[in-house]
Amino acid sequence: MDMGKDMGIEREDFAEIDYSNRLLTSKEYSDCNFSNCNFSNAKLTHCKFIDCNFKNCNLSNAKIDGCNFQGVSFLGCKLLGLDFSRISHFLLSMNFEECMVKNCNFSGIKMPKTLFLRCKVIETYFTDTDLTNSNFSESDLSKTEFHNSNLYNVDFRSAINYSFDPRTNKVKEAKFSTPDVIGLLRYFEIDIE
């Protein structure tokens, strides 16, 4: 079912709406709040979200091709299998707090100053990603891959389970804490006692 191509939905609150398996094409949402909504398997093609908040929403396996996220906040959301590499990069700005971000792809995009606070960022890919000045505080990064990414001044303090090769990423001025920083040494084939 196509929810229409009308434009310009502003300052609306959407609560407990089931958008699962629906098609939302070329919609524009500005200053809107989505709470406890289900977007699983929805096709959100070419939608624009400006200064919107998603709280406790399920976006698992949603298709977000061509979507534009400007000033968007995700709080307590479930984001499984999303391919952010296919979104619009124009004025991209997103933050994630207390979210489950699993099997997502953030490759090839510039997303400086992005917050991933107290998130589970599991089996997610950051290849050729610009994360300059981003923050992963208190996040679990199990099996997440960083490759050829700009991690300049990224804050990994209090993050856990991260492991990536510092030789294939730009890590100047990145911040780490012990004992989890030891995970960066596994790529150097050295013995640590």
Protein backbone atom coordinates (compact mmCIF):
# COMPACT_ATOMS: atom_id res chain seq x y z
CA MET A 1 0.00 0.00 0.00
CA ASP A 2 1.47 3.38 -1.00
CA MET A 3 0.93 6.03 1.64
CA GLY A 4 0.95 8.69 -1.05
CA LYS A 5 3.40 11.22 -2.38
CA ASP A 6 2.10 14.28 -0.59
CA MET A 7 4.79 16.56 0.78
CA GLY A 8 5.31 18.66 3.85
CA ILE A 9 4.13 17.05 7.07
CA GLU A 10 5.22 19.38 9.89
CA ARG A 11 5.15 19.25 13.69
CA GLU A 12 3.10 16.06 13.91
CA ASP A 13 3.30 13.35 16.55
CA PHE A 14 2.91 9.75 15.40
CA ALA A 15 2.49 7.14 18.13
CA GLU A 16 2.06 3.36 17.99
CA ILE A 17 1.42 3.27 14.24
CA ASP A 18 2.18 0.11 12.29
CA TYR A 19 3.92 1.02 9.03
CA SER A 20 5.40 -2.48 8.61
CA ASN A 21 5.56 -3.71 5.01
CA ARG A 22 4.15 -0.40 3.78
CA LEU A 23 5.45 1.84 1.04
CA LEU A 24 6.10 5.49 1.91
CA THR A 25 7.42 7.32 -1.13
CA SER A 26 8.83 10.86 -1.35
CA LYS A 27 7.25 12.05 1.90
CA GLU A 28 8.78 14.93 3.81
CA TYR A 29 8.56 15.13 7.60
CA SER A 30 9.76 18.18 9.49
CA ASP A 31 9.88 18.54 13.31
CA CYS A 32 7.91 15.31 13.71
CA ASN A 33 8.04 12.76 16.51
CA PHE A 34 7.59 9.04 15.98
CA SER A 35 7.15 6.97 19.12
CA ASN A 36 6.60 3.21 19.41
CA CYS A 37 6.03 2.96 15.65
CA ASN A 38 6.78 -0.16 13.65
CA PHE A 39 8.60 0.45 10.35
CA SER A 40 9.89 -3.11 9.96
CA ASN A 41 10.21 -4.11 6.30
CA ALA A 42 8.74 -0.76 5.23
CA LYS A 43 9.97 0.91 2.05
CA LEU A 44 10.78 4.52 2.93
CA THR A 45 12.16 5.42 -0.48
CA HIS A 46 13.23 9.03 -1.05
CA CYS A 47 11.63 10.30 2.16
CA LYS A 48 13.07 13.32 3.90
CA PHE A 49 13.22 13.56 7.69
CA ILE A 50 14.27 16.97 9.03
CA ASP A 51 14.67 17.55 12.79
CA CYS A 52 12.65 14.42 13.55
CA ASN A 53 12.81 12.13 16.58
CA PHE A 54 12.27 8.38 16.57
CA LYS A 55 11.69 6.92 20.03
CA ASN A 56 11.31 3.19 20.72
CA CYS A 57 10.63 2.51 17.05
CA ASN A 58 11.38 -0.67 15.12
CA LEU A 59 13.02 0.04 11.75
CA SER A 60 14.29 -3.50 11.18
CA ASN A 61 14.95 -4.33 7.53
CA ALA A 62 13.38 -1.10 6.33
CA LYS A 63 14.48 0.04 2.87
CA ILE A 64 15.78 3.59 3.20
CA ASP A 65 17.11 4.12 -0.35
CA GLY A 66 17.44 7.81 -1.17
CA CYS A 67 16.17 8.92 2.26
CA ASN A 68 17.50 12.13 3.72
CA PHE A 69 18.12 12.38 7.47
CA GLN A 70 18.87 15.91 8.70
CA GLY A 71 19.04 16.47 12.44
CA VAL A 72 17.42 13.11 13.17
CA SER A 73 17.57 11.44 16.57
CA PHE A 74 16.98 7.75 17.28
CA LEU A 75 16.34 6.88 20.95
CA GLY A 76 15.80 3.30 22.09
CA CYS A 77 15.17 2.17 18.51
CA LYS A 78 15.77 -1.19 16.87
CA LEU A 79 17.70 -0.76 13.61
CA LEU A 80 18.52 -4.15 12.11
CA GLY A 81 19.77 -4.68 8.57
CA LEU A 82 19.58 -1.06 7.41
CA ASP A 83 21.77 0.01 4.50
CA PHE A 84 22.64 3.61 5.30
CA SER A 85 25.12 3.61 2.40
CA ARG A 86 22.12 4.05 0.07
CA ILE A 87 20.74 7.20 1.74
CA SER A 88 21.19 10.78 0.57
CA HIS A 89 24.37 12.33 1.93
CA PHE A 90 23.01 15.88 1.63
CA LEU A 91 23.18 17.62 5.04
CA LEU A 92 23.29 14.21 6.72
CA SER A 93 23.07 14.43 10.52
CA MET A 94 21.90 11.61 12.80
CA ASN A 95 22.35 10.60 16.43
CA PHE A 96 21.67 7.27 18.14
CA GLU A 97 21.10 6.72 21.84
CA GLU A 98 20.35 3.42 23.59
CA CYS A 99 19.64 1.79 20.21
CA MET A 100 20.20 -1.71 18.85
CA VAL A 101 22.13 -1.11 15.62
CA LYS A 102 22.83 -4.55 14.14
CA ASN A 103 23.92 -5.69 10.67
CA CYS A 104 23.80 -2.13 9.38
CA ASN A 105 26.00 -0.61 6.69
CA PHE A 106 27.33 2.94 7.09
CA SER A 107 29.99 2.55 4.40
CA GLY A 108 31.03 5.39 2.13
CA ILE A 109 29.26 8.22 3.93
CA LYS A 110 30.35 11.31 5.81
CA MET A 111 28.77 11.43 9.24
CA PRO A 112 31.01 13.57 11.45
CA LYS A 113 29.93 14.41 15.01
CA THR A 114 27.55 11.45 15.14
CA LEU A 115 26.62 10.15 18.57
CA PHE A 116 26.25 6.43 19.27
CA LEU A 117 25.65 6.63 23.03
CA ARG A 118 24.92 3.50 25.07
CA CYS A 119 24.11 1.59 21.88
CA LYS A 120 24.68 -1.98 20.81
CA VAL A 121 26.43 -1.47 17.47
CA ILE A 122 26.79 -5.14 16.52
CA GLU A 123 28.12 -6.65 13.27
CA THR A 124 27.93 -3.26 11.58
CA TYR A 125 30.15 -1.92 8.80
CA PHE A 126 32.00 1.38 8.61
CA THR A 127 34.14 1.21 5.45
CA ASP A 128 35.37 4.48 3.93
CA THR A 129 33.22 6.28 6.52
CA ASP A 130 34.06 9.73 7.88
CA LEU A 131 33.26 9.63 11.61
CA THR A 132 35.40 12.63 12.59
CA ASN A 133 34.58 13.87 16.11
CA SER A 134 31.95 11.16 16.68
CA ASN A 135 31.26 9.50 20.02
CA PHE A 136 30.70 5.80 20.80
CA SER A 137 30.65 6.18 24.61
CA GLU A 138 29.27 3.22 26.56
CA SER A 139 28.47 1.34 23.36
CA ASP A 140 29.10 -2.33 22.62
CA LEU A 141 30.85 -2.68 19.25
CA SER A 142 31.00 -6.49 19.03
CA LYS A 143 32.02 -7.73 15.58
CA THR A 144 31.71 -4.23 14.11
CA GLU A 145 34.20 -3.48 11.35
CA PHE A 146 36.01 -0.22 10.68
CA HIS A 147 38.10 -0.14 7.52
CA ASN A 148 39.72 2.82 5.77
CA SER A 149 37.60 5.13 7.91
CA ASN A 150 38.36 8.54 9.36
CA LEU A 151 38.20 8.13 13.14
CA TYR A 152 39.93 11.43 13.91
CA ASN A 153 39.10 12.52 17.46
CA VAL A 154 36.46 9.80 17.85
CA ASP A 155 35.65 9.00 21.48
CA PHE A 156 35.76 5.27 22.20
CA ARG A 157 36.21 5.74 25.96
CA SER A 158 33.94 3.42 27.90
CA ALA A 159 33.01 1.60 24.68
CA ILE A 160 33.54 -2.16 24.75
CA ASN A 161 34.35 -5.02 22.39
CA TYR A 162 35.84 -2.90 19.62
CA SER A 163 38.69 -4.24 17.57
CA PHE A 164 40.01 -2.74 14.36
CA ASP A 165 43.34 -2.27 12.65
CA PRO A 166 44.67 1.21 13.46
CA ARG A 167 46.92 0.98 10.39
CA THR A 168 43.96 0.92 7.99
CA ASN A 169 42.00 3.72 9.70
CA LYS A 170 42.84 7.31 10.58
CA VAL A 171 42.92 7.29 14.38
CA LYS A 172 44.80 10.49 15.19
CA GLU A 173 43.59 12.00 18.48
CA ALA A 174 40.98 9.25 18.95
CA LYS A 175 40.25 8.57 22.62
CA PHE A 176 40.37 5.12 24.18
CA SER A 177 40.26 3.63 27.66
CA THR A 178 41.73 0.50 29.19
CA PRO A 179 41.31 -2.40 29.13
CA ASP A 180 39.37 -2.35 25.83
CA VAL A 181 42.09 -0.48 23.91
CA ILE A 182 44.07 -3.75 24.02
CA GLY A 183 41.80 -4.99 21.22
CA LEU A 184 43.64 -2.68 18.82
CA LEU A 185 46.89 -4.58 19.38
CA ARG A 186 45.67 -7.91 18.05
CA TYR A 187 46.52 -6.79 14.51
CA PHE A 188 50.22 -6.46 15.34
CA GLU A 189 50.81 -10.18 16.05
CA ILE A 190 52.40 -9.54 19.43
CA ASP A 191 52.11 -11.36 22.73
CA ILE A 192 50.61 -9.47 25.66
CA GLU A 193 50.96 -10.85 29.18
